[in-house]
Amino acid sequence: MMNAQQIVLANRPEGMPTKENFRAESITLPPLNQEEVLIKGLYFSVDPYMRGRMKDVESYAPPFPVNEPVYGNVVGEIIDSKSASFKEGDLVRGILPWATEAVAKAQSVVKIDASIADPSYFLGILGMPGLTAFFGLLYIGKPTPGETVVVSGAAGAVGIIAGQIAKLKDCRVVAIAGSDEKIEMLKEKFHFDEAINYKTIPDLNKAIKDACPKKVDIYFDNVGGKISDAVIVNINTHARIVLCGQISLYNATETPVGPRLEPLLVTKSALMQGFLVGDFKNKFSEGIQQLSQWIKAGALKYHETIIDGFDKLPEAFAGLFSGKNIGKMIVKA
C-alpha cells in the first residue's frame, strides 16, 4: 500500500473562495483491483466551473461533498496497472481527485499523446477549454467572414482560443480583459484587432461602440454581469450570444438584478444560447483533431499560468476569481 496527500473541501465558500475552504490530508491508498490503475498526478487543472460544485445546490453536476477530495481534470502518469489497456509510464487524462497519487478505474482515464503537444496542453487547448471554445464559437456562434466577434474574459483559458478561432474564420475580434498586460498580450501575441481594459475604461458601453463600428455579430460571453450588459446593447440584428461562463457572478451572495435584455433580443432577432462542453461529447474527436492541426500549423497559440507545488492548488483556484491567470491556470505537482 502507498501513502498519498489529498486536498479536501473543508467547508463551503461564502463569496470568494479562500485557502481556508480546503484542507490537506494524508491517506493510505488501497491495493489495486482488476481493471484499476495507480496514477501519479503531474498537472492539475483549476477551472471556474468548480466553484459551482462547491455550492450545495442542484446543478448539472452534483456538489462536492464536504470533507471529501475535490475532483478536476488531471494529467498523470501510470505507476502501476492491473489493466491490459495501460502500462507503467503511460500518460493519461481524467477527472481525478486532488491527490498526489490516486487509484482509478481504467475506463475513467484516457491516454494522451505527448508527441502532439506538451502534456499540460491536454488540460487547456487540447482539453476542456479548447473544446469549449471550439464548439461554442463554431456551433453556436457560427461566424462568417467579416463579422465582428467580442470575447469577454479574453485572456482566460477559453477566451484566448475562442478569439483566435474567430480570427481564423476571418472575423474582426475585440477582446475584453482586466489588465494592461493582458491587453498588450492579446493584441501583440494573439493578434486580436482591438482590446479593452474594462477596469480602466471610463465608459465601457462607448468603448465597445467605438471598437465595433459595425456593431457586434457574435458575443462569446465568459463573464456576464455589467460587462455583458454593455456588450449586448451593441449587438447587431441576428446577433448570436454564446453563453459560456458567468465568472463575475459565481461568488455572488445575492442574486444581482441587471437590465431586462429580452426586449432587445426580440427587436434584434438575436439568439442567446447557453451550453456545456459535454453537449458535444460525441464530437470531441473532431474538435481535438482540428485543434491539433491548427497547433501544428502554428495557426493557434496558447498561454499557460503554471504554479509549482501540489499544495498550491487552493491558492491557484482562488486566483482564478481575481484575474491572476493569463490563459490556462495549472498546478504542476
Protein backbone atom coordinates (compact mmCIF):
# COMPACT_ATOMS: atom_id res chain seq x y z
CA MET A 1 0.00 0.00 0.00
CA MET A 2 1.07 3.57 -0.67
CA ASN A 3 0.64 6.81 1.24
CA ALA A 4 -0.55 9.94 -0.60
CA GLN A 5 -1.61 13.51 0.08
CA GLN A 6 -5.03 14.81 -0.89
CA ILE A 7 -6.88 18.13 -0.64
CA VAL A 8 -10.49 18.07 0.54
CA LEU A 9 -13.24 20.66 0.64
CA ALA A 10 -13.21 21.62 4.33
CA ASN A 11 -16.26 23.90 4.15
CA ARG A 12 -18.40 25.58 1.51
CA PRO A 13 -17.18 29.04 0.43
CA GLU A 14 -19.35 32.07 1.10
CA GLY A 15 -18.46 34.61 -1.56
CA MET A 16 -14.86 34.47 -2.80
CA PRO A 17 -13.14 31.13 -2.08
CA THR A 18 -10.04 31.15 0.10
CA LYS A 19 -7.46 28.57 1.06
CA GLU A 20 -9.29 28.18 4.39
CA ASN A 21 -12.07 26.39 2.48
CA PHE A 22 -9.68 23.47 1.87
CA ARG A 23 -7.65 21.06 3.98
CA ALA A 24 -4.68 18.80 3.20
CA GLU A 25 -4.78 15.21 4.45
CA SER A 26 -2.55 12.14 4.41
CA ILE A 27 -4.22 8.94 3.22
CA THR A 28 -3.30 5.32 2.59
CA LEU A 29 -4.31 4.08 -0.84
CA PRO A 30 -5.96 0.66 -1.19
CA PRO A 31 -4.36 -2.13 -3.25
CA LEU A 32 -5.29 -2.28 -6.93
CA ASN A 33 -8.16 -4.46 -8.11
CA GLN A 34 -8.53 -5.78 -11.63
CA GLU A 35 -9.10 -3.03 -14.24
CA GLU A 36 -7.69 -0.38 -11.92
CA VAL A 37 -4.61 1.81 -12.27
CA LEU A 38 -2.44 3.79 -9.90
CA ILE A 39 -1.78 7.32 -11.16
CA LYS A 40 0.74 9.91 -10.06
CA GLY A 41 -0.69 13.39 -10.62
CA LEU A 42 1.55 15.61 -12.77
CA TYR A 43 -0.63 18.57 -13.80
CA PHE A 44 -3.84 19.68 -12.11
CA SER A 45 -6.42 21.92 -13.74
CA VAL A 46 -8.29 24.58 -11.77
CA ASP A 47 -11.42 25.85 -13.53
CA PRO A 48 -14.15 28.37 -12.73
CA TYR A 49 -16.95 25.79 -13.08
CA MET A 50 -15.60 24.05 -9.97
CA ARG A 51 -16.84 26.97 -7.88
CA GLY A 52 -20.42 25.99 -8.69
CA ARG A 53 -19.80 22.47 -7.45
CA MET A 54 -18.76 23.89 -4.09
CA LYS A 55 -22.33 25.12 -3.54
CA ASP A 56 -24.94 22.78 -2.09
CA VAL A 57 -27.42 23.45 -4.89
CA GLU A 58 -28.89 21.41 -7.71
CA SER A 59 -26.98 21.84 -10.95
CA TYR A 60 -25.76 19.90 -13.99
CA ALA A 61 -23.20 18.15 -11.77
CA PRO A 62 -23.57 17.13 -8.10
CA PRO A 63 -21.88 19.31 -5.47
CA PHE A 64 -18.55 18.28 -3.99
CA PRO A 65 -19.17 16.67 -0.58
CA VAL A 66 -17.60 18.47 2.37
CA ASN A 67 -14.62 16.58 3.85
CA GLU A 68 -14.13 14.71 0.57
CA PRO A 69 -11.46 15.39 -2.07
CA VAL A 70 -12.07 17.95 -4.78
CA TYR A 71 -12.15 16.43 -8.27
CA GLY A 72 -10.99 18.02 -11.51
CA ASN A 73 -9.14 17.38 -14.75
CA VAL A 74 -5.70 15.90 -14.12
CA VAL A 75 -2.87 14.71 -16.34
CA GLY A 76 -0.93 11.94 -14.67
CA GLU A 77 1.45 9.04 -15.16
CA ILE A 78 0.54 5.39 -14.68
CA ILE A 79 2.83 3.97 -11.99
CA ASP A 80 1.04 0.63 -11.60
CA SER A 81 -1.64 -1.11 -13.61
CA LYS A 82 -3.94 -4.09 -13.43
CA SER A 83 -5.43 -3.36 -16.85
CA ALA A 84 -4.23 -4.56 -20.24
CA SER A 85 -5.14 -1.12 -21.61
CA PHE A 86 -2.39 0.68 -19.69
CA LYS A 87 1.23 0.10 -18.79
CA GLU A 88 3.64 1.79 -16.42
CA GLY A 89 4.78 5.14 -17.82
CA ASP A 90 1.65 5.86 -19.88
CA LEU A 91 0.41 9.44 -19.65
CA VAL A 92 -3.33 9.79 -19.09
CA ARG A 93 -6.01 12.40 -18.52
CA GLY A 94 -9.15 12.06 -16.45
CA ILE A 95 -11.41 13.52 -13.79
CA LEU A 96 -9.40 12.63 -10.71
CA PRO A 97 -9.12 13.77 -7.09
CA TRP A 98 -6.75 16.49 -5.96
CA ALA A 99 -4.26 13.90 -4.74
CA THR A 100 -0.57 13.25 -5.28
CA GLU A 101 -1.43 9.65 -6.23
CA ALA A 102 -4.81 8.07 -6.84
CA VAL A 103 -6.39 4.72 -7.69
CA ALA A 104 -8.82 4.95 -10.61
CA LYS A 105 -10.93 2.67 -12.78
CA ALA A 106 -9.10 2.04 -16.05
CA GLN A 107 -12.12 3.11 -18.10
CA SER A 108 -12.21 6.51 -16.34
CA VAL A 109 -8.96 7.77 -17.93
CA VAL A 110 -7.68 8.10 -21.50
CA LYS A 111 -4.16 8.04 -22.90
CA ILE A 112 -2.67 11.25 -24.21
CA ASP A 113 -0.07 11.61 -26.93
CA ALA A 114 2.71 13.91 -25.72
CA SER A 115 4.17 13.96 -29.24
CA ILE A 116 1.30 16.26 -30.27
CA ALA A 117 1.89 18.86 -27.56
CA ASP A 118 3.15 19.30 -24.01
CA PRO A 119 1.16 17.13 -21.55
CA SER A 120 -0.25 20.21 -19.80
CA TYR A 121 -1.90 21.28 -23.07
CA PHE A 122 -4.36 18.40 -22.65
CA LEU A 123 -5.84 20.36 -19.72
CA GLY A 124 -6.13 23.51 -21.83
CA ILE A 125 -6.11 23.98 -25.56
CA LEU A 126 -6.50 20.22 -26.21
CA GLY A 127 -8.77 19.70 -23.22
CA MET A 128 -11.99 21.12 -21.87
CA PRO A 129 -11.18 24.83 -22.51
CA GLY A 130 -10.14 24.25 -26.12
CA LEU A 131 -13.18 22.13 -26.87
CA THR A 132 -15.43 24.66 -25.15
CA ALA A 133 -14.10 27.46 -27.34
CA PHE A 134 -14.26 25.33 -30.48
CA PHE A 135 -17.84 24.13 -30.15
CA GLY A 136 -19.25 27.27 -28.57
CA LEU A 137 -17.91 29.57 -31.26
CA LEU A 138 -18.36 27.35 -34.32
CA TYR A 139 -21.59 25.53 -33.49
CA ILE A 140 -23.49 28.30 -31.69
CA GLY A 141 -21.74 31.48 -32.84
CA LYS A 142 -21.42 30.25 -36.45
CA PRO A 143 -19.02 33.00 -37.57
CA THR A 144 -18.79 34.16 -41.17
CA PRO A 145 -16.01 36.27 -42.72
CA GLY A 146 -16.20 39.96 -41.93
CA GLU A 147 -18.35 39.65 -38.82
CA THR A 148 -17.42 41.30 -35.52
CA VAL A 149 -16.82 39.00 -32.56
CA VAL A 150 -16.45 40.25 -28.98
CA VAL A 151 -14.92 37.93 -26.37
CA SER A 152 -15.13 38.71 -22.65
CA GLY A 153 -12.63 37.10 -20.32
CA ALA A 154 -10.50 37.07 -23.45
CA ALA A 155 -7.21 36.40 -21.64
CA GLY A 156 -8.60 33.31 -19.92
CA ALA A 157 -8.23 29.67 -20.89
CA VAL A 158 -11.29 29.65 -23.17
CA GLY A 159 -11.26 33.25 -24.35
CA ILE A 160 -7.76 33.14 -25.86
CA ILE A 161 -8.77 30.18 -28.02
CA ALA A 162 -12.23 31.46 -28.98
CA GLY A 163 -10.76 34.74 -30.20
CA GLN A 164 -8.07 33.04 -32.28
CA ILE A 165 -10.59 30.69 -33.90
CA ALA A 166 -12.69 33.73 -34.80
CA LYS A 167 -9.61 35.26 -36.44
CA LEU A 168 -9.08 32.02 -38.38
CA LYS A 169 -12.63 32.48 -39.66
CA ASP A 170 -11.69 35.98 -40.93
CA CYS A 171 -13.67 37.90 -38.32
CA ARG A 172 -12.84 41.17 -36.60
CA VAL A 173 -12.18 40.24 -32.99
CA VAL A 174 -12.45 42.57 -29.99
CA ALA A 175 -11.18 41.38 -26.61
CA ILE A 176 -12.29 42.47 -23.15
CA ALA A 177 -9.85 41.78 -20.31
CA GLY A 178 -8.81 43.22 -16.96
CA SER A 179 -5.21 44.47 -17.12
CA ASP A 180 -2.91 46.39 -19.44
CA GLU A 181 -0.57 43.38 -19.51
CA LYS A 182 -3.38 41.18 -20.81
CA ILE A 183 -4.47 43.81 -23.33
CA GLU A 184 -0.96 44.06 -24.78
CA MET A 185 -0.60 40.27 -24.97
CA LEU A 186 -3.95 39.81 -26.71
CA LYS A 187 -3.05 42.34 -29.39
CA GLU A 188 0.65 41.56 -29.86
CA LYS A 189 0.84 37.78 -29.35
CA PHE A 190 -2.65 36.65 -30.32
CA HIS A 191 -3.43 39.36 -32.90
CA PHE A 192 -6.84 40.44 -31.66
CA ASP A 193 -7.91 43.51 -33.63
CA GLU A 194 -8.79 45.56 -30.57
CA ALA A 195 -8.74 45.04 -26.81
CA ILE A 196 -10.46 46.90 -23.98
CA ASN A 197 -9.39 47.03 -20.33
CA TYR A 198 -12.75 47.07 -18.58
CA LYS A 199 -11.13 48.08 -15.27
CA THR A 200 -9.69 51.35 -16.53
CA ILE A 201 -12.02 52.45 -19.34
CA PRO A 202 -14.35 55.21 -18.09
CA ASP A 203 -17.32 54.24 -20.30
CA LEU A 204 -17.39 50.58 -21.35
CA ASN A 205 -20.52 50.97 -23.46
CA LYS A 206 -18.87 53.72 -25.53
CA ALA A 207 -15.58 51.80 -25.75
CA ILE A 208 -17.37 48.79 -27.22
CA LYS A 209 -19.32 51.00 -29.62
CA ASP A 210 -16.09 52.65 -30.81
CA ALA A 211 -14.28 49.31 -31.19
CA CYS A 212 -17.20 47.77 -33.09
CA PRO A 213 -18.27 50.36 -35.71
CA LYS A 214 -20.38 47.71 -37.45
CA LYS A 215 -21.81 46.54 -34.11
CA VAL A 216 -21.44 43.08 -32.58
CA ASP A 217 -22.43 39.99 -34.53
CA ILE A 218 -21.19 37.37 -32.06
CA TYR A 219 -20.60 37.81 -28.35
CA PHE A 220 -18.67 34.96 -26.67
CA ASP A 221 -19.59 35.56 -23.04
CA ASN A 222 -17.29 34.16 -20.36
CA VAL A 223 -18.01 36.80 -17.73
CA GLY A 224 -21.60 38.04 -17.51
CA GLY A 225 -22.63 40.93 -15.26
CA LYS A 226 -22.03 44.56 -16.20
CA ILE A 227 -19.57 43.66 -18.97
CA SER A 228 -22.21 41.64 -20.78
CA ASP A 229 -24.80 44.37 -20.22
CA ALA A 230 -22.51 46.79 -22.06
CA VAL A 231 -21.77 44.40 -24.94
CA ILE A 232 -25.33 43.29 -25.57
CA VAL A 233 -26.69 46.81 -26.05
CA ASN A 234 -24.32 46.99 -29.04
CA ILE A 235 -25.48 43.85 -30.86
CA ASN A 236 -26.47 43.65 -34.50
CA THR A 237 -29.64 42.23 -35.97
CA HIS A 238 -29.41 38.41 -35.96
CA ALA A 239 -26.54 38.50 -33.44
CA ARG A 240 -25.57 35.31 -31.63
CA ILE A 241 -24.74 35.44 -27.92
CA VAL A 242 -22.78 32.37 -26.77
CA LEU A 243 -23.22 31.91 -23.01
CA CYS A 244 -20.12 30.03 -21.94
CA GLY A 245 -19.49 31.28 -18.39
CA GLN A 246 -20.56 33.90 -15.88
CA ILE A 247 -17.48 34.15 -13.69
CA SER A 248 -18.38 37.63 -12.44
CA LEU A 249 -21.42 36.12 -10.71
CA TYR A 250 -20.05 32.83 -9.35
CA ASN A 251 -19.20 34.27 -5.93
CA ALA A 252 -22.28 36.48 -5.56
CA THR A 253 -24.05 36.02 -2.24
CA GLU A 254 -27.23 37.68 -3.53
CA THR A 255 -29.00 37.41 -6.87
CA PRO A 256 -27.98 40.51 -8.85
CA VAL A 257 -30.53 42.49 -10.84
CA GLY A 258 -29.49 43.71 -14.26
CA PRO A 259 -31.07 45.16 -17.40
CA ARG A 260 -34.00 43.31 -18.93
CA LEU A 261 -32.47 42.01 -22.15
CA GLU A 262 -35.47 40.21 -23.63
CA PRO A 263 -36.92 43.25 -25.49
CA LEU A 264 -33.55 43.89 -27.14
CA LEU A 265 -33.24 40.23 -28.18
CA VAL A 266 -36.69 40.43 -29.74
CA THR A 267 -36.08 43.66 -31.67
CA LYS A 268 -32.69 42.38 -32.90
CA SER A 269 -33.97 38.87 -33.70
CA ALA A 270 -30.94 37.72 -31.69
CA LEU A 271 -30.04 34.29 -30.36
CA MET A 272 -28.77 33.78 -26.78
CA GLN A 273 -27.79 30.20 -26.01
CA GLY A 274 -26.06 28.63 -23.05
CA PHE A 275 -24.17 25.37 -23.37
CA LEU A 276 -21.94 22.85 -21.63
CA VAL A 277 -18.99 21.31 -23.43
CA GLY A 278 -20.45 17.89 -22.62
CA ASP A 279 -23.31 18.69 -25.00
CA PHE A 280 -20.81 17.96 -27.79
CA LYS A 281 -19.15 14.86 -26.32
CA ASN A 282 -19.92 12.79 -29.41
CA LYS A 283 -17.88 15.27 -31.46
CA PHE A 284 -14.83 15.59 -29.17
CA SER A 285 -12.55 13.67 -31.54
CA GLU A 286 -13.43 16.08 -34.33
CA GLY A 287 -12.60 19.06 -32.14
CA ILE A 288 -9.28 17.65 -30.89
CA GLN A 289 -8.25 16.74 -34.43
CA GLN A 290 -8.91 20.24 -35.76
CA LEU A 291 -7.30 21.98 -32.77
CA SER A 292 -4.24 19.74 -33.13
CA GLN A 293 -3.93 20.61 -36.82
CA TRP A 294 -4.09 24.33 -36.07
CA ILE A 295 -1.43 23.97 -33.34
CA LYS A 296 0.92 22.00 -35.61
CA ALA A 297 0.46 24.59 -38.37
CA GLY A 298 1.27 27.42 -35.96
CA ALA A 299 -2.16 28.94 -36.54
CA LEU A 300 -3.21 28.58 -32.92
CA LYS A 301 -1.08 29.71 -29.98
CA TYR A 302 -1.59 29.28 -26.27
CA HIS A 303 -0.52 30.61 -22.92
CA GLU A 304 -0.42 28.90 -19.54
CA THR A 305 -0.01 30.15 -15.99
CA ILE A 306 1.71 27.25 -14.22
CA ILE A 307 2.12 27.27 -10.45
CA ASP A 308 4.58 24.81 -8.94
CA GLY A 309 3.59 22.74 -5.92
CA PHE A 310 0.67 20.39 -5.25
CA ASP A 311 -0.07 22.28 -2.03
CA LYS A 312 -0.73 25.46 -4.07
CA LEU A 313 -3.96 24.09 -5.56
CA PRO A 314 -6.31 26.08 -3.26
CA GLU A 315 -4.33 29.28 -3.85
CA ALA A 316 -4.37 28.76 -7.61
CA PHE A 317 -8.10 28.06 -7.63
CA ALA A 318 -8.85 31.24 -5.66
CA GLY A 319 -6.62 33.19 -8.04
CA LEU A 320 -8.99 32.50 -10.92
CA PHE A 321 -11.52 34.90 -9.45
CA SER A 322 -9.11 37.80 -9.04
CA GLY A 323 -7.69 37.50 -12.55
CA LYS A 324 -4.26 36.17 -11.56
CA ASN A 325 -4.11 33.81 -14.53
CA ILE A 326 -3.27 34.53 -18.14
CA GLY A 327 -4.55 31.68 -20.24
CA LYS A 328 -4.96 28.32 -18.52
CA MET A 329 -4.23 28.12 -14.81
CA ILE A 330 -2.44 24.85 -14.00
CA VAL A 331 -0.73 23.49 -10.92
CA LYS A 332 2.33 21.32 -11.52
CA ALA A 333 2.93 18.78 -8.79
